N, C-alpha and C. Protein backbone atom coordinates (compact mmCIF):
# COMPACT_ATOMS: atom_id res chain seq x y z
N MET A 1 10.23 -10.31 258.85
CA MET A 1 9.69 -10.38 257.51
C MET A 1 8.53 -9.17 257.45
N ASN A 2 8.88 -8.27 256.40
CA ASN A 2 8.25 -7.24 255.87
C ASN A 2 7.15 -7.29 254.89
N ASP A 3 7.09 -8.47 254.46
CA ASP A 3 6.17 -8.50 253.15
C ASP A 3 4.81 -8.68 253.71
N PRO A 4 3.82 -7.69 253.45
CA PRO A 4 2.39 -7.80 254.21
C PRO A 4 1.54 -8.79 253.70
N LYS A 5 1.76 -8.97 252.27
CA LYS A 5 0.97 -10.32 251.60
C LYS A 5 1.42 -11.85 252.08
N ARG A 6 2.81 -11.75 252.24
CA ARG A 6 3.08 -13.12 252.89
C ARG A 6 2.84 -13.53 254.30
N MET A 7 2.90 -12.14 255.29
CA MET A 7 2.23 -12.37 256.56
C MET A 7 0.79 -12.61 256.41
N PHE A 8 0.24 -11.91 255.66
CA PHE A 8 -1.20 -12.11 255.57
C PHE A 8 -1.58 -13.58 255.10
N LEU A 9 -1.22 -14.12 254.43
CA LEU A 9 -1.34 -15.63 254.20
C LEU A 9 -0.89 -16.37 255.24
N ILE A 10 0.39 -16.13 255.81
CA ILE A 10 0.76 -16.93 257.02
C ILE A 10 -0.38 -17.06 258.08
N LYS A 11 -1.06 -15.76 258.47
CA LYS A 11 -1.90 -15.54 259.52
C LYS A 11 -3.16 -16.44 258.84
N ILE A 12 -3.47 -16.41 257.63
CA ILE A 12 -4.59 -17.22 257.22
C ILE A 12 -4.64 -18.62 257.48
N ALA A 13 -3.22 -19.24 257.14
CA ALA A 13 -3.13 -20.39 257.60
C ALA A 13 -3.28 -20.73 259.02
N TYR A 14 -2.92 -19.82 260.01
CA TYR A 14 -3.20 -19.91 261.36
C TYR A 14 -4.62 -20.02 261.59
N TRP A 15 -5.30 -18.91 261.10
CA TRP A 15 -6.83 -18.91 261.42
C TRP A 15 -7.69 -19.86 260.84
N LEU A 16 -7.37 -20.53 259.76
CA LEU A 16 -7.86 -21.78 259.19
C LEU A 16 -7.91 -22.90 260.02
N GLY A 17 -6.73 -23.07 260.73
CA GLY A 17 -6.38 -23.95 261.51
C GLY A 17 -7.03 -23.82 263.07
N ILE A 18 -7.21 -22.48 263.44
CA ILE A 18 -8.10 -21.91 264.66
C ILE A 18 -9.52 -22.60 264.33
N GLY A 19 -9.82 -21.97 263.27
CA GLY A 19 -11.65 -22.34 263.01
C GLY A 19 -11.92 -24.03 263.05
N ALA A 20 -11.00 -24.59 262.21
CA ALA A 20 -11.11 -26.01 262.10
C ALA A 20 -11.11 -26.74 263.68
N ASP A 21 -9.95 -26.56 264.48
CA ASP A 21 -9.93 -27.09 265.67
C ASP A 21 -10.92 -26.67 266.60
N ALA A 22 -11.46 -25.23 266.44
CA ALA A 22 -12.62 -24.95 267.33
C ALA A 22 -13.87 -25.59 266.93
N LEU A 23 -14.08 -25.68 265.77
CA LEU A 23 -15.41 -26.42 265.26
C LEU A 23 -15.37 -28.02 265.80
N TRP A 24 -13.97 -28.41 265.46
CA TRP A 24 -14.16 -30.20 265.95
C TRP A 24 -13.93 -30.10 267.72
N ALA A 25 -13.56 -28.88 268.35
CA ALA A 25 -13.73 -29.24 269.66
C ALA A 25 -15.13 -29.11 270.21
N VAL A 26 -15.85 -28.41 269.51
CA VAL A 26 -17.39 -28.13 269.91
C VAL A 26 -18.04 -29.59 269.49
N ALA A 27 -17.53 -30.15 268.37
CA ALA A 27 -18.42 -31.49 268.08
C ALA A 27 -17.79 -32.63 268.80
N LEU A 28 -16.65 -32.56 269.49
CA LEU A 28 -15.98 -33.56 270.29
C LEU A 28 -16.91 -33.27 271.65
N PHE A 29 -17.37 -32.13 272.13
CA PHE A 29 -18.12 -32.01 273.14
C PHE A 29 -19.42 -32.18 273.16
N SER A 30 -19.88 -32.01 271.95
CA SER A 30 -21.63 -32.21 271.77
C SER A 30 -21.70 -33.56 270.80
N PRO A 31 -22.08 -34.52 271.28
CA PRO A 31 -22.69 -35.59 270.36
C PRO A 31 -23.25 -35.02 268.88
N GLN A 32 -24.24 -34.23 269.39
CA GLN A 32 -25.28 -33.75 268.25
C GLN A 32 -24.49 -33.03 267.12
N VAL A 33 -23.57 -32.38 267.57
CA VAL A 33 -22.68 -31.54 266.26
C VAL A 33 -21.75 -32.40 265.92
N PHE A 34 -21.29 -33.55 266.41
CA PHE A 34 -20.33 -34.42 265.76
C PHE A 34 -21.08 -35.30 264.67
N ALA A 35 -22.68 -35.58 265.19
CA ALA A 35 -23.41 -36.55 264.17
C ALA A 35 -23.56 -35.48 263.11
N ILE A 36 -23.78 -34.42 263.06
CA ILE A 36 -24.13 -33.32 261.85
C ILE A 36 -22.71 -33.25 261.06
N LEU A 37 -21.56 -33.11 261.47
CA LEU A 37 -20.33 -33.16 261.13
C LEU A 37 -19.91 -34.50 260.16
N THR A 38 -20.22 -35.35 260.96
CA THR A 38 -19.74 -36.74 260.37
C THR A 38 -20.79 -37.35 259.22
N GLY A 39 -21.75 -36.83 259.46
CA GLY A 39 -23.04 -37.15 258.42
C GLY A 39 -23.56 -38.55 259.02
N ASN A 40 -23.73 -38.66 260.34
CA ASN A 40 -24.25 -39.94 260.77
C ASN A 40 -25.34 -39.62 261.87
N PRO A 41 -26.84 -39.24 261.41
CA PRO A 41 -27.64 -38.82 262.24
C PRO A 41 -27.94 -39.87 263.31
N ASP A 42 -27.58 -40.92 263.19
CA ASP A 42 -28.11 -41.88 264.24
C ASP A 42 -26.96 -42.15 265.03
N PHE A 43 -25.82 -41.13 265.36
CA PHE A 43 -24.86 -41.44 266.19
C PHE A 43 -25.33 -41.03 267.78
N ASP A 44 -25.26 -42.00 268.37
CA ASP A 44 -25.82 -42.14 269.92
C ASP A 44 -24.59 -42.83 270.73
N PRO A 45 -23.42 -42.00 271.12
CA PRO A 45 -22.35 -42.82 271.93
C PRO A 45 -22.89 -43.25 273.41
N ASP A 46 -22.35 -44.10 273.60
CA ASP A 46 -22.10 -44.50 275.00
C ASP A 46 -21.38 -43.89 275.63
N LEU A 47 -21.46 -44.21 277.39
CA LEU A 47 -20.61 -43.37 278.01
C LEU A 47 -19.12 -43.45 277.56
N GLN A 48 -18.29 -44.44 277.70
CA GLN A 48 -17.07 -44.43 277.05
C GLN A 48 -16.59 -43.70 276.10
N THR A 49 -17.62 -43.92 275.22
CA THR A 49 -17.21 -43.11 273.88
C THR A 49 -17.40 -41.56 274.05
N ARG A 50 -18.21 -41.31 275.02
CA ARG A 50 -18.34 -39.70 275.33
C ARG A 50 -17.08 -39.22 276.28
N LEU A 51 -16.52 -40.28 277.02
CA LEU A 51 -15.64 -39.95 277.94
C LEU A 51 -14.40 -39.54 276.74
N ILE A 52 -14.22 -40.57 275.85
CA ILE A 52 -12.94 -40.41 275.04
C ILE A 52 -13.12 -39.14 274.05
N MET A 53 -14.39 -38.94 273.76
CA MET A 53 -14.77 -37.62 272.97
C MET A 53 -14.57 -36.33 273.87
N GLY A 54 -14.78 -36.41 275.32
CA GLY A 54 -14.42 -35.42 276.02
C GLY A 54 -12.87 -35.05 276.29
N MET A 55 -11.94 -36.07 276.39
CA MET A 55 -10.71 -36.03 276.23
C MET A 55 -10.14 -35.32 275.05
N GLY A 56 -10.54 -35.89 273.82
CA GLY A 56 -10.18 -35.49 272.62
C GLY A 56 -10.67 -33.84 272.49
N GLY A 57 -11.75 -33.57 272.91
CA GLY A 57 -12.22 -32.15 272.68
C GLY A 57 -11.27 -31.00 273.67
N SER A 58 -10.93 -31.67 274.85
CA SER A 58 -10.20 -30.96 275.54
C SER A 58 -8.88 -30.57 275.01
N LEU A 59 -8.23 -31.70 274.36
CA LEU A 59 -7.03 -31.35 273.52
C LEU A 59 -7.02 -30.44 272.35
N MET A 60 -8.12 -30.83 271.62
CA MET A 60 -8.48 -29.70 270.74
C MET A 60 -8.52 -28.31 271.09
N THR A 61 -9.38 -28.13 272.23
CA THR A 61 -9.43 -26.97 272.64
C THR A 61 -7.98 -26.20 273.20
N GLY A 62 -7.22 -27.06 273.69
CA GLY A 62 -5.92 -26.58 274.02
C GLY A 62 -5.15 -26.33 272.83
N TRP A 63 -5.29 -27.27 271.80
CA TRP A 63 -4.60 -26.76 270.54
C TRP A 63 -5.06 -25.42 270.06
N THR A 64 -6.31 -25.59 270.15
CA THR A 64 -6.86 -24.07 269.41
C THR A 64 -6.26 -22.78 270.40
N LEU A 65 -6.29 -22.84 271.57
CA LEU A 65 -5.51 -22.05 272.07
C LEU A 65 -4.12 -21.64 271.75
N LEU A 66 -3.43 -22.59 271.70
CA LEU A 66 -1.95 -22.55 271.47
C LEU A 66 -1.89 -22.09 270.00
N LEU A 67 -2.73 -22.26 269.00
CA LEU A 67 -2.86 -21.43 267.99
C LEU A 67 -3.30 -20.00 267.61
N ILE A 68 -4.05 -19.77 268.77
CA ILE A 68 -4.39 -18.29 269.21
C ILE A 68 -3.16 -17.57 269.71
N TRP A 69 -2.39 -18.35 270.65
CA TRP A 69 -0.96 -17.76 271.00
C TRP A 69 -0.10 -17.42 269.99
N ALA A 70 0.03 -18.58 269.00
CA ALA A 70 1.20 -18.36 268.08
C ALA A 70 0.71 -17.39 266.90
N VAL A 71 -0.59 -17.11 266.63
CA VAL A 71 -0.73 -16.20 265.53
C VAL A 71 -0.30 -15.04 265.95
N ARG A 72 -0.10 -14.57 267.12
CA ARG A 72 0.20 -13.45 267.55
C ARG A 72 1.67 -13.03 267.03
N LYS A 73 2.53 -13.98 267.23
CA LYS A 73 3.80 -14.00 266.54
C LYS A 73 4.19 -15.01 265.46
N PRO A 74 3.29 -14.95 264.39
CA PRO A 74 3.57 -16.37 263.62
C PRO A 74 4.77 -16.77 263.05
N ILE A 75 5.88 -15.62 262.97
CA ILE A 75 7.20 -16.31 262.39
C ILE A 75 8.06 -16.54 263.64
N GLU A 76 8.06 -16.08 264.62
CA GLU A 76 8.79 -16.66 265.86
C GLU A 76 8.22 -18.18 266.24
N ARG A 77 6.68 -18.29 266.16
CA ARG A 77 6.24 -19.50 266.87
C ARG A 77 5.78 -20.38 265.56
N ARG A 78 6.37 -20.42 264.62
CA ARG A 78 6.23 -21.09 263.44
C ARG A 78 6.11 -22.62 263.72
N VAL A 79 6.75 -22.84 264.65
CA VAL A 79 6.76 -24.72 264.67
C VAL A 79 5.48 -25.17 264.92
N VAL A 80 4.67 -24.24 265.56
CA VAL A 80 3.24 -24.42 266.19
C VAL A 80 2.52 -24.73 264.79
N ILE A 81 2.50 -23.85 263.71
CA ILE A 81 1.83 -24.37 262.77
C ILE A 81 2.43 -25.34 261.85
N LEU A 82 3.69 -25.68 261.86
CA LEU A 82 4.22 -26.66 261.23
C LEU A 82 3.92 -28.07 262.03
N LEU A 83 3.88 -28.26 263.28
CA LEU A 83 3.29 -29.33 263.68
C LEU A 83 1.54 -29.67 263.28
N THR A 84 0.88 -28.56 263.31
CA THR A 84 -0.40 -28.59 262.73
C THR A 84 -0.31 -29.13 261.24
N ALA A 85 0.46 -28.67 260.55
CA ALA A 85 0.05 -29.01 259.00
C ALA A 85 0.56 -30.56 258.95
N SER A 86 1.75 -30.93 259.54
CA SER A 86 2.19 -32.15 259.52
C SER A 86 1.19 -33.20 260.09
N GLY A 87 0.55 -32.87 261.05
CA GLY A 87 -0.61 -33.75 261.57
C GLY A 87 -1.72 -33.83 260.55
N SER A 88 -1.99 -32.73 259.91
CA SER A 88 -3.13 -32.74 259.25
C SER A 88 -2.59 -33.46 258.02
N LEU A 89 -1.51 -33.09 257.27
CA LEU A 89 -0.96 -34.02 256.17
C LEU A 89 -0.86 -35.56 256.58
N TRP A 90 -0.68 -35.97 257.61
CA TRP A 90 -0.68 -37.14 258.17
C TRP A 90 -1.80 -37.96 258.03
N ASP A 91 -2.90 -37.22 258.47
CA ASP A 91 -4.17 -37.52 258.61
C ASP A 91 -4.97 -37.85 257.45
N VAL A 92 -4.77 -36.84 256.37
CA VAL A 92 -4.95 -37.18 255.04
C VAL A 92 -4.39 -38.11 254.24
N TYR A 93 -3.05 -38.48 254.69
CA TYR A 93 -2.44 -39.62 254.02
C TYR A 93 -3.10 -40.58 254.61
N CYS A 94 -3.11 -40.90 255.85
CA CYS A 94 -4.02 -42.42 256.26
C CYS A 94 -5.37 -42.75 255.61
N GLY A 95 -6.19 -41.49 255.63
CA GLY A 95 -7.32 -41.57 254.90
C GLY A 95 -7.47 -41.90 253.55
N PHE A 96 -6.48 -41.60 252.82
CA PHE A 96 -6.40 -41.62 251.29
C PHE A 96 -5.74 -43.04 251.13
N SER A 97 -4.86 -43.36 252.00
CA SER A 97 -4.56 -44.98 251.68
C SER A 97 -5.46 -45.84 252.24
N ARG A 98 -6.39 -45.57 253.08
CA ARG A 98 -7.49 -46.49 253.78
C ARG A 98 -8.36 -46.38 252.32
N LEU A 99 -8.75 -45.38 251.66
CA LEU A 99 -9.53 -45.33 250.51
C LEU A 99 -9.03 -46.15 249.48
N LEU A 100 -7.72 -46.09 248.98
CA LEU A 100 -6.98 -46.83 247.90
C LEU A 100 -7.53 -48.48 248.61
N GLU A 101 -6.81 -48.62 249.48
CA GLU A 101 -6.78 -49.98 249.97
C GLU A 101 -8.29 -50.72 249.86
N ARG A 102 -9.44 -49.84 250.18
CA ARG A 102 -10.56 -50.27 250.14
C ARG A 102 -11.02 -50.36 248.74
N GLU A 103 -10.71 -49.78 248.16
CA GLU A 103 -11.04 -49.65 246.54
C GLU A 103 -10.38 -51.06 245.94
N TYR A 104 -9.16 -51.25 246.26
CA TYR A 104 -8.18 -52.38 246.00
C TYR A 104 -9.02 -53.54 246.01
N PHE A 105 -9.37 -53.61 247.24
CA PHE A 105 -9.79 -55.07 247.50
C PHE A 105 -11.40 -55.17 246.97
N ARG A 106 -12.12 -54.00 246.66
CA ARG A 106 -13.22 -54.25 246.16
C ARG A 106 -13.20 -54.49 244.63
N TYR A 107 -11.69 -53.91 243.98
CA TYR A 107 -11.85 -54.28 242.78
C TYR A 107 -11.56 -55.88 242.58
N LEU A 108 -10.45 -56.25 243.48
CA LEU A 108 -10.16 -57.84 243.58
C LEU A 108 -11.49 -58.50 243.75
N ASP A 109 -12.31 -58.52 244.55
CA ASP A 109 -13.60 -59.11 244.89
C ASP A 109 -14.54 -59.18 243.48
N HIS A 110 -14.27 -58.34 242.63
CA HIS A 110 -15.22 -58.29 241.22
C HIS A 110 -14.45 -58.84 240.05
N SER A 111 -12.93 -59.23 240.15
CA SER A 111 -11.97 -59.91 239.21
C SER A 111 -12.39 -61.21 239.12
């Protein structure tokens, strides 16, 4: 691919994923950062929750490193960004469907 503008946009997508994953990796390793990002200042996880967050942080760190590896040859390693995007779209879908469900039941309660 020789189109510099297109390559720039592809690399921007990778770097956005790298930034987001790195931020959430830090948040999963640090309950204080997690509390700030989620808007829950009273967040005080117990040991089990901290262990789960540590495992999640390890996975996020690994995926961040995978994205850094993939951005070096973004076309050849495009499956990495496709997996990242599909996971993100699924997260958005699940969150949006929960929101719709909650609003629907709130509407039924007031009917």
